[in-house]
Amino acid sequence: MNSNAMGIPHFLAIPFPIQGHINPLLQFAQDLVPYGCRITFLSSDENLQKLKRARHGKAMDSDIKLVSLPDGVDPEDDRKDQATVISTTIKTMRAMLPNLIQDVNALDTHNKISCIIVTKNMGWALEVAHHLGIKGALFWPASATSLASFNSIQTLIHQGTIDSETGLPTKNLKIQLSSNLPLMEAAAMPWYCLDNAFFFLHMKEEMKNLNLAEKWLCNTTFDLEAGAFFTSPKLLPIGPLMAKEHNILFSLCEEDRTCLEWLDLQPTKSVIYVSFGSMVSLEPNQFNELALALDLLKRPFLWVVREDNGLQVKNACEFRGSQGKVVSWAPQKKVLSHPAIACFISHCGWNSTIEGVYNGVPFLCWPFCSDQLMNQTYICDVWKVGVGFDRDESGLISKEEIKKKVEQLLVDEEIKGRSTKLMEMVIKNKAQGDQNLHMFIDWAKD
């Protein structure tokens, strides 16, 4: 008998090939396993090798099978150039996906792929699934509000609020996506500060494919972004995913776990944690200002400076002195849950945001692009669990500004109190996230 008919879904998970999409989707895949689900996880050839190296030969869960296809990105291309990666991935993988599905199904004819789950920028795979008669779902690696904003593009164009070719605001105004959502600066829209011409037009088309998905899964909770869930019946909060313990950890980067031992030696709520995620790099002048600020603060700090930042790694190690520790990558969930952490200087990517909120850590917001400005709006203006930095006339965040804001935050008992209350609310929401996960699996069984 076909196991699909017995009610065991087989999911094909397809993330956009960057860490901020791969990690949460892998984590979600592991959450599905205890319910008897089968998962085939499709990665790019390059990222599959990175995953294997980072795992040091440790076995993957037998119910998660890793497969790969080339993404078409040339070795000399910059993989941080999302426009290039998006274009080549669509061009290369799309043509090869039907044959891969056929091959996977041939290996186990009793457990054929029954649902395809994609992240942002991989909506083309939902179109393939639609043509093959396979169910489709979206796993959104950012906030539900950012998804609601992308889904509002056509409405905003029709209203004359944004330009149809660039996504730039036609007037100097704030945008409210619905009456239940906060009023936000136009610049906080997630397409605003990237390569507008490419990314905005891409997302305008991408939403047509993403709307082929019957379910939109978000690693968030209803109470965190209640207004977003009134914008579409497809939206389903299934978070916080980090509340679930995993025996198997996933990362494209090798984690330096010596920082956990170092944290054990630090006083409670004393350490400033600094990380800008897997994509962002500071300009040299700004990097130096941050380094000088950490030195001026005379407090213990843990600073993530990725190896791909070259000279900055050397400079950061020279600045750390006796009070700091610099690592190329950190096990962030464990870091943020450590009692020594006092605050989080963050780029406000959604994974970092939800992890910080879940652990009750106050934020110092340093957003760069995409949905990060929107997340800062929530952190500072809606939840009020963090503060932002002001830039000088040259666009620099000075060492004095960094020092001042960190010192202000560390003595702000109201922000600390709100951070704790928000953490308690999110933990309480976990039951609803689990219930929605059950609903999703039942839908995939039918």
Protein backbone atom coordinates (compact mmCIF):
# COMPACT_ATOMS: atom_id res chain seq x y z
CA MET A 1 0.00 0.00 0.00
CA ASN A 2 1.19 3.55 -0.75
CA SER A 3 2.24 5.11 2.56
CA ASN A 4 0.82 8.46 1.40
CA ALA A 5 -2.56 6.77 1.40
CA MET A 6 -1.83 5.63 4.96
CA GLY A 7 -1.48 9.26 6.01
CA ILE A 8 2.31 9.69 6.07
CA PRO A 9 3.20 12.87 4.18
CA HIS A 10 6.43 13.08 2.20
CA PHE A 11 7.64 16.68 2.02
CA LEU A 12 10.15 18.03 -0.48
CA ALA A 13 11.71 21.06 1.24
CA ILE A 14 13.39 23.62 -1.05
CA PRO A 15 15.10 26.63 0.59
CA PHE A 16 16.70 29.56 -1.18
CA PRO A 17 20.43 28.68 -0.93
CA ILE A 18 21.51 31.03 1.86
CA GLN A 19 21.95 30.29 5.57
CA GLY A 20 19.04 32.45 6.73
CA HIS A 21 16.67 30.24 4.73
CA ILE A 22 18.39 26.85 5.00
CA ASN A 23 18.74 26.76 8.80
CA PRO A 24 15.12 27.52 9.77
CA LEU A 25 13.72 25.20 7.09
CA LEU A 26 16.02 22.38 8.24
CA GLN A 27 14.88 23.04 11.79
CA PHE A 28 11.24 22.93 10.68
CA ALA A 29 11.94 19.68 8.81
CA GLN A 30 13.23 18.14 12.02
CA ASP A 31 10.08 19.30 13.82
CA LEU A 32 8.01 17.31 11.30
CA VAL A 33 9.90 14.05 11.83
CA PRO A 34 8.35 13.08 15.22
CA TYR A 35 4.93 13.12 13.54
CA GLY A 36 6.02 10.36 11.15
CA CYS A 37 6.65 12.68 8.20
CA ARG A 38 9.25 11.95 5.55
CA ILE A 39 11.41 14.82 4.32
CA THR A 40 13.59 15.13 1.25
CA PHE A 41 15.65 18.29 1.64
CA LEU A 42 16.90 19.86 -1.60
CA SER A 43 20.05 21.96 -1.34
CA SER A 44 22.44 23.39 -3.88
CA ASP A 45 25.50 21.23 -4.58
CA GLU A 46 27.78 23.74 -2.87
CA ASN A 47 25.65 24.06 0.27
CA LEU A 48 25.30 20.28 0.55
CA GLN A 49 29.08 20.02 0.81
CA LYS A 50 29.14 22.80 3.42
CA LEU A 51 26.48 21.03 5.47
CA LYS A 52 28.45 17.78 5.37
CA ARG A 53 31.68 19.53 6.39
CA ALA A 54 29.99 21.39 9.24
CA ARG A 55 28.48 18.15 10.54
CA HIS A 56 31.88 16.38 10.72
CA GLY A 57 30.42 13.14 9.43
CA LYS A 58 27.53 13.00 11.93
CA ALA A 59 24.57 11.09 10.54
CA MET A 60 21.45 12.94 9.45
CA ASP A 61 18.10 11.84 10.84
CA SER A 62 17.06 8.82 8.74
CA ASP A 63 13.74 10.49 7.95
CA ILE A 64 15.51 13.52 6.42
CA LYS A 65 17.21 12.74 3.14
CA LEU A 66 19.56 15.35 1.65
CA VAL A 67 19.63 15.74 -2.12
CA SER A 68 21.12 18.50 -4.25
CA LEU A 69 21.07 20.21 -7.63
CA PRO A 70 23.49 22.78 -9.08
CA ASP A 71 22.35 26.37 -8.57
CA GLY A 72 24.26 27.68 -11.57
CA VAL A 73 26.24 30.30 -9.64
CA ASP A 74 29.78 30.55 -11.04
CA PRO A 75 32.63 30.06 -8.55
CA GLU A 76 33.88 33.58 -9.22
CA ASP A 77 30.46 35.15 -8.56
CA ASP A 78 29.70 36.79 -5.22
CA ARG A 79 27.15 34.63 -3.43
CA LYS A 80 26.11 37.64 -1.35
CA ASP A 81 24.78 39.17 -4.57
CA GLN A 82 21.23 37.95 -4.15
CA ALA A 83 20.13 39.19 -7.58
CA THR A 84 22.68 36.87 -9.23
CA VAL A 85 21.82 33.91 -7.00
CA ILE A 86 18.07 34.37 -7.52
CA SER A 87 18.37 34.59 -11.32
CA THR A 88 20.75 31.67 -11.76
CA THR A 89 18.92 29.44 -9.28
CA ILE A 90 15.61 29.89 -11.09
CA LYS A 91 17.22 29.33 -14.48
CA THR A 92 19.22 26.25 -13.43
CA MET A 93 17.12 24.40 -10.86
CA ARG A 94 13.70 24.91 -12.41
CA ALA A 95 14.51 22.80 -15.47
CA MET A 96 15.98 20.00 -13.35
CA LEU A 97 13.37 19.76 -10.57
CA PRO A 98 10.77 17.54 -12.37
CA ASN A 99 13.42 14.88 -13.04
CA LEU A 100 14.63 15.04 -9.43
CA ILE A 101 11.06 14.52 -8.18
CA GLN A 102 10.71 11.57 -10.55
CA ASP A 103 13.98 10.07 -9.29
CA VAL A 104 13.05 10.51 -5.62
CA ASN A 105 9.66 8.91 -6.19
CA ALA A 106 11.23 5.99 -8.08
CA LEU A 107 13.41 5.14 -5.07
CA ASP A 108 10.33 4.58 -2.90
CA THR A 109 7.14 4.16 -4.89
CA HIS A 110 5.20 3.61 -1.65
CA ASN A 111 6.11 7.02 -0.28
CA LYS A 112 6.00 9.54 -3.11
CA ILE A 113 6.41 13.29 -2.57
CA SER A 114 3.03 14.63 -1.50
CA CYS A 115 3.85 18.27 -0.69
CA ILE A 116 6.55 20.76 -1.69
CA ILE A 117 7.60 23.41 0.86
CA VAL A 118 9.60 26.39 -0.39
CA THR A 119 11.07 29.57 1.08
CA LYS A 120 11.08 33.03 -0.48
CA ASN A 121 12.62 33.29 -3.98
CA MET A 122 11.83 29.63 -4.72
CA GLY A 123 8.20 30.17 -5.74
CA TRP A 124 8.96 28.72 -9.19
CA ALA A 125 9.01 25.30 -7.50
CA LEU A 126 5.38 25.80 -6.45
CA GLU A 127 4.52 26.31 -10.11
CA VAL A 128 6.28 23.02 -10.92
CA ALA A 129 4.38 21.31 -8.08
CA HIS A 130 1.09 22.80 -9.35
CA HIS A 131 1.67 21.33 -12.82
CA LEU A 132 2.53 17.93 -11.31
CA GLY A 133 -0.54 17.88 -9.06
CA ILE A 134 1.51 18.08 -5.85
CA LYS A 135 0.43 20.23 -2.91
CA GLY A 136 2.43 23.35 -2.17
CA ALA A 137 3.25 25.31 0.98
CA LEU A 138 5.41 28.34 1.76
CA PHE A 139 7.76 28.41 4.75
CA TRP A 140 8.43 32.13 5.20
CA PRO A 141 11.80 32.74 6.94
CA ALA A 142 10.95 36.33 7.91
CA SER A 143 8.13 38.02 9.83
CA ALA A 144 4.48 37.56 8.94
CA THR A 145 4.24 41.34 8.53
CA SER A 146 6.93 41.32 5.86
CA LEU A 147 5.01 38.65 3.95
CA ALA A 148 1.84 40.72 4.29
CA SER A 149 3.72 43.70 2.87
CA PHE A 150 4.91 41.78 -0.20
CA ASN A 151 1.39 40.48 -0.68
CA SER A 152 0.15 44.11 -0.58
CA ILE A 153 2.38 45.31 -3.44
CA GLN A 154 -0.39 45.37 -6.05
CA THR A 155 -2.75 47.16 -3.65
CA LEU A 156 -0.10 49.78 -2.80
CA ILE A 157 0.54 50.35 -6.52
CA HIS A 158 -3.19 50.65 -7.21
CA GLN A 159 -3.51 53.19 -4.37
CA GLY A 160 -0.66 55.22 -5.87
CA THR A 161 1.38 54.77 -2.67
CA ILE A 162 4.42 53.21 -4.38
CA ASP A 163 5.87 53.31 -7.88
CA SER A 164 5.01 50.25 -9.98
CA GLU A 165 8.55 49.85 -11.37
CA THR A 166 10.76 50.57 -8.33
CA GLY A 167 8.59 50.14 -5.24
CA LEU A 168 9.77 53.55 -4.05
CA PRO A 169 7.18 55.73 -2.29
CA THR A 170 5.45 58.23 -4.55
CA LYS A 171 5.02 60.59 -1.60
CA ASN A 172 6.96 61.19 1.60
CA LEU A 173 4.54 59.32 3.79
CA LYS A 174 4.09 56.45 6.15
CA ILE A 175 2.43 53.20 5.14
CA GLN A 176 -0.18 51.22 7.03
CA LEU A 177 -0.76 47.84 5.39
CA SER A 178 -4.02 47.35 7.28
CA SER A 179 -5.90 48.93 10.17
CA ASN A 180 -4.53 46.20 12.46
CA LEU A 181 -0.87 46.82 11.58
CA PRO A 182 1.44 49.60 12.80
CA LEU A 183 2.09 52.72 10.79
CA MET A 184 5.58 52.40 9.31
CA GLU A 185 8.00 54.57 7.40
CA ALA A 186 7.91 53.83 3.67
CA ALA A 187 11.63 53.07 3.95
CA ALA A 188 10.79 50.16 6.27
CA MET A 189 9.11 48.21 3.49
CA PRO A 190 11.31 45.13 2.91
CA TRP A 191 12.06 45.86 -0.75
CA TYR A 192 13.05 49.48 -0.17
CA CYS A 193 16.77 49.37 0.61
CA LEU A 194 17.93 46.59 -1.70
CA ASP A 195 18.48 46.82 -5.45
CA ASN A 196 14.98 48.16 -5.94
CA ALA A 197 14.80 47.76 -9.69
CA PHE A 198 15.59 44.05 -9.57
CA PHE A 199 14.35 42.90 -6.18
CA PHE A 200 11.06 44.77 -6.20
CA LEU A 201 10.13 43.56 -9.68
CA HIS A 202 11.22 40.04 -8.75
CA MET A 203 9.03 40.00 -5.64
CA LYS A 204 6.09 41.45 -7.55
CA GLU A 205 6.26 38.38 -9.81
CA GLU A 206 7.32 36.02 -6.99
CA MET A 207 4.09 36.68 -5.09
CA LYS A 208 2.10 35.26 -8.00
CA ASN A 209 3.89 31.95 -7.53
CA LEU A 210 3.83 32.09 -3.72
CA ASN A 211 0.06 32.50 -3.89
CA LEU A 212 -0.07 29.03 -5.45
CA ALA A 213 0.80 27.74 -1.97
CA GLU A 214 -2.26 26.77 0.05
CA LYS A 215 -0.50 27.39 3.37
CA TRP A 216 1.91 30.16 4.41
CA LEU A 217 3.87 29.01 7.46
CA CYS A 218 5.65 31.61 9.61
CA ASN A 219 8.11 31.15 12.46
CA THR A 220 6.28 33.65 14.62
CA THR A 221 3.38 33.73 17.07
CA PHE A 222 -0.06 35.26 16.79
CA ASP A 223 0.43 37.71 19.65
CA LEU A 224 3.77 39.00 18.30
CA GLU A 225 2.20 40.18 15.03
CA ALA A 226 -1.54 39.78 15.49
CA GLY A 227 -2.45 42.31 12.80
CA ALA A 228 -0.61 40.42 10.05
CA PHE A 229 -2.81 37.35 10.38
CA PHE A 230 -5.93 39.30 9.47
CA THR A 231 -4.46 40.09 6.04
CA SER A 232 -4.67 36.54 4.64
CA PRO A 233 -6.35 33.27 5.72
CA LYS A 234 -3.29 31.40 4.40
CA LEU A 235 -1.00 32.75 7.14
CA LEU A 236 -0.30 30.24 9.90
CA PRO A 237 1.96 31.01 12.91
CA ILE A 238 3.92 27.86 13.85
CA GLY A 239 6.55 29.40 16.12
CA PRO A 240 8.57 29.76 18.10
CA LEU A 241 10.49 26.92 16.46
CA MET A 242 13.54 27.38 18.69
CA ALA A 243 11.44 26.30 21.65
CA LYS A 244 11.83 22.72 20.44
CA GLU A 245 15.02 20.91 21.40
CA HIS A 246 17.04 19.34 18.62
CA ASN A 247 19.61 16.62 18.91
CA ILE A 248 20.96 17.54 15.50
CA LEU A 249 22.13 21.10 14.88
CA PHE A 250 22.44 22.54 11.39
CA SER A 251 24.69 25.29 10.15
CA LEU A 252 26.54 26.11 6.96
CA CYS A 253 29.21 27.73 9.12
CA GLU A 254 31.27 25.87 11.68
CA GLU A 255 30.33 27.09 15.16
CA ASP A 256 33.01 28.06 17.66
CA ARG A 257 31.56 26.53 20.81
CA THR A 258 34.46 27.74 23.00
CA CYS A 259 32.43 30.92 23.44
CA LEU A 260 29.98 28.97 25.64
CA GLU A 261 32.77 28.03 28.03
CA TRP A 262 33.91 31.66 28.00
CA LEU A 263 30.36 32.82 28.78
CA ASP A 264 30.28 30.48 31.77
CA LEU A 265 33.08 32.54 33.31
CA GLN A 266 31.26 35.89 32.94
CA PRO A 267 28.92 37.50 35.50
CA THR A 268 25.16 37.29 34.97
CA LYS A 269 23.80 39.81 32.44
CA SER A 270 27.21 41.35 31.80
CA VAL A 271 28.06 40.42 28.19
CA ILE A 272 27.31 42.49 25.09
CA TYR A 273 26.60 40.08 22.22
CA VAL A 274 27.33 41.43 18.72
CA SER A 275 26.32 39.60 15.53
CA PHE A 276 25.15 40.81 12.12
CA GLY A 277 24.16 37.44 10.67
CA SER A 278 25.48 35.47 7.72
CA MET A 279 25.27 38.11 4.98
CA VAL A 280 26.03 41.59 6.34
CA SER A 281 29.54 43.09 6.45
CA LEU A 282 30.48 46.47 7.92
CA GLU A 283 32.46 49.04 5.96
CA PRO A 284 36.03 49.47 7.35
CA ASN A 285 35.35 52.86 8.98
CA GLN A 286 32.17 51.60 10.62
CA PHE A 287 33.91 48.42 11.74
CA ASN A 288 36.60 50.48 13.48
CA GLU A 289 34.00 52.66 15.23
CA LEU A 290 32.28 49.54 16.60
CA ALA A 291 35.59 48.07 17.74
CA LEU A 292 36.55 51.31 19.50
CA ALA A 293 33.11 51.51 21.14
CA LEU A 294 33.42 47.99 22.54
CA ASP A 295 36.84 48.93 23.90
CA LEU A 296 35.47 52.14 25.47
CA LEU A 297 32.60 50.32 27.17
CA LYS A 298 35.02 48.33 29.36
CA ARG A 299 32.52 45.46 29.52
CA PRO A 300 32.81 41.82 28.41
CA PHE A 301 31.63 41.30 24.84
CA LEU A 302 31.17 38.39 22.45
CA TRP A 303 31.61 39.51 18.84
CA VAL A 304 30.88 37.38 15.77
CA VAL A 305 33.18 38.39 12.88
CA ARG A 306 32.85 35.96 9.98
CA GLU A 307 35.99 34.53 8.38
CA ASP A 308 34.95 35.91 4.98
CA ASN A 309 35.56 39.40 6.40
CA GLY A 310 39.32 38.81 6.13
CA LEU A 311 41.31 41.68 7.60
CA GLN A 312 38.45 42.59 9.94
CA VAL A 313 38.89 39.27 11.75
CA LYS A 314 42.51 40.18 12.51
CA ASN A 315 41.56 43.70 13.60
CA ALA A 316 38.74 42.46 15.84
CA CYS A 317 41.05 40.01 17.58
CA GLU A 318 43.51 42.82 18.26
CA PHE A 319 40.75 44.99 19.77
CA ARG A 320 39.26 42.34 22.02
CA GLY A 321 41.76 42.81 24.84
CA SER A 322 41.10 40.89 28.03
CA GLN A 323 37.41 41.77 28.18
CA GLY A 324 36.13 40.35 24.90
CA LYS A 325 35.98 37.23 22.79
CA VAL A 326 35.82 37.19 18.98
CA VAL A 327 34.52 34.14 17.10
CA SER A 328 33.90 33.47 13.41
CA TRP A 329 30.48 31.95 14.12
CA ALA A 330 28.53 31.23 17.28
CA PRO A 331 25.81 28.75 18.33
CA GLN A 332 23.44 31.68 18.62
CA LYS A 333 20.45 29.98 20.25
CA LYS A 334 22.66 28.75 23.08
CA VAL A 335 24.42 32.11 23.34
CA LEU A 336 21.18 34.08 23.64
CA SER A 337 19.81 31.68 26.26
CA HIS A 338 22.96 32.04 28.38
CA PRO A 339 22.45 33.95 31.67
CA ALA A 340 25.62 36.01 31.05
CA ILE A 341 24.08 37.84 28.04
CA ALA A 342 22.96 41.40 28.83
CA CYS A 343 21.99 42.72 25.38
CA PHE A 344 22.17 41.96 21.66
CA ILE A 345 23.62 44.36 19.05
CA SER A 346 21.82 42.90 16.02
CA HIS A 347 21.12 43.49 12.34
CA CYS A 348 17.51 42.55 13.19
CA GLY A 349 17.19 39.67 10.75
CA TRP A 350 14.07 37.71 11.65
CA ASN A 351 15.86 34.58 12.88
CA SER A 352 17.95 36.71 15.25
CA THR A 353 14.89 38.75 16.25
CA ILE A 354 12.74 35.76 17.20
CA GLU A 355 15.68 34.11 19.02
CA GLY A 356 16.40 37.26 21.02
CA VAL A 357 12.73 37.78 21.88
CA TYR A 358 12.32 34.15 22.92
CA ASN A 359 15.17 34.56 25.41
CA GLY A 360 14.09 37.96 26.75
CA VAL A 361 17.24 39.75 25.55
CA PRO A 362 17.01 43.54 24.94
CA PHE A 363 18.13 44.75 21.50
CA LEU A 364 20.35 47.45 20.09
CA CYS A 365 19.08 47.63 16.51
CA TRP A 366 21.47 48.01 13.58
CA PRO A 367 19.41 47.10 10.48
CA PHE A 368 20.86 47.11 6.97
CA CYS A 369 18.32 45.94 4.38
CA SER A 370 15.39 43.72 3.43
CA ASP A 371 12.94 43.16 6.31
CA GLN A 372 15.41 44.33 8.98
CA LEU A 373 14.05 47.90 9.12
CA MET A 374 10.53 46.54 9.58
CA ASN A 375 11.74 44.29 12.38
CA GLN A 376 13.38 47.29 14.05
CA THR A 377 9.99 49.05 13.96
CA TYR A 378 8.48 46.18 15.91
CA ILE A 379 11.41 45.91 18.35
CA CYS A 380 11.61 49.63 19.14
CA ASP A 381 8.13 51.04 18.53
CA VAL A 382 5.67 48.15 18.93
CA TRP A 383 7.19 45.75 21.47
CA LYS A 384 9.51 48.45 22.94
CA VAL A 385 12.25 45.96 23.83
CA GLY A 386 15.16 47.76 22.19
CA VAL A 387 16.63 51.00 20.91
CA GLY A 388 18.12 52.10 17.61
CA PHE A 389 21.31 53.98 16.76
CA ASP A 390 21.46 57.47 15.26
CA ARG A 391 23.89 58.16 12.42
CA ASP A 392 26.00 61.29 12.08
CA GLU A 393 26.01 63.62 9.05
CA SER A 394 28.33 61.25 7.17
CA GLY A 395 26.04 58.25 7.76
CA LEU A 396 28.34 56.72 10.37
CA ILE A 397 27.26 55.31 13.73
CA SER A 398 29.98 56.76 15.93
CA LYS A 399 31.76 55.04 18.80
CA GLU A 400 30.30 57.65 21.16
CA GLU A 401 26.75 56.89 19.93
CA ILE A 402 27.28 53.14 20.34
CA LYS A 403 28.72 53.56 23.83
CA LYS A 404 25.93 55.92 24.87
CA LYS A 405 23.08 53.69 23.64
CA VAL A 406 24.54 50.51 25.14
CA GLU A 407 24.99 52.18 28.52
CA GLN A 408 21.45 53.61 28.38
CA LEU A 409 19.96 50.22 27.52
CA LEU A 410 21.82 48.37 30.26
CA VAL A 411 20.24 50.53 32.97
CA ASP A 412 16.76 50.77 31.41
CA GLU A 413 14.64 48.64 33.74
CA GLU A 414 11.45 49.27 31.72
CA ILE A 415 12.92 47.76 28.56
CA LYS A 416 14.27 44.83 30.58
CA GLY A 417 10.83 44.29 32.10
CA ARG A 418 9.07 44.43 28.73
CA SER A 419 11.65 42.00 27.30
CA THR A 420 10.84 39.51 30.04
CA LYS A 421 7.08 39.90 29.56
CA LEU A 422 7.41 39.49 25.78
CA MET A 423 9.47 36.33 26.33
CA GLU A 424 6.77 34.91 28.61
CA MET A 425 4.07 35.71 26.04
CA VAL A 426 5.98 34.03 23.21
CA ILE A 427 6.62 30.91 25.31
CA LYS A 428 2.92 30.79 26.16
CA ASN A 429 2.11 31.03 22.42
CA LYS A 430 4.08 27.83 21.76
CA ALA A 431 0.96 25.71 22.37
CA GLN A 432 -0.88 27.50 19.55
CA GLY A 433 2.13 27.07 17.26
CA ASP A 434 2.12 23.33 17.94
CA GLN A 435 -1.62 23.17 17.28
CA ASN A 436 -1.16 24.92 13.93
CA LEU A 437 1.67 22.50 13.08
CA HIS A 438 -0.73 19.58 13.68
CA MET A 439 -3.33 21.24 11.44
CA PHE A 440 -0.73 21.65 8.69
CA ILE A 441 0.34 17.99 8.86
CA ASP A 442 -3.31 16.84 8.79
CA TRP A 443 -3.84 19.02 5.69
CA ALA A 444 -0.79 17.45 4.03
CA LYS A 445 -2.13 13.95 4.76
CA ASP A 446 -5.37 14.45 2.81
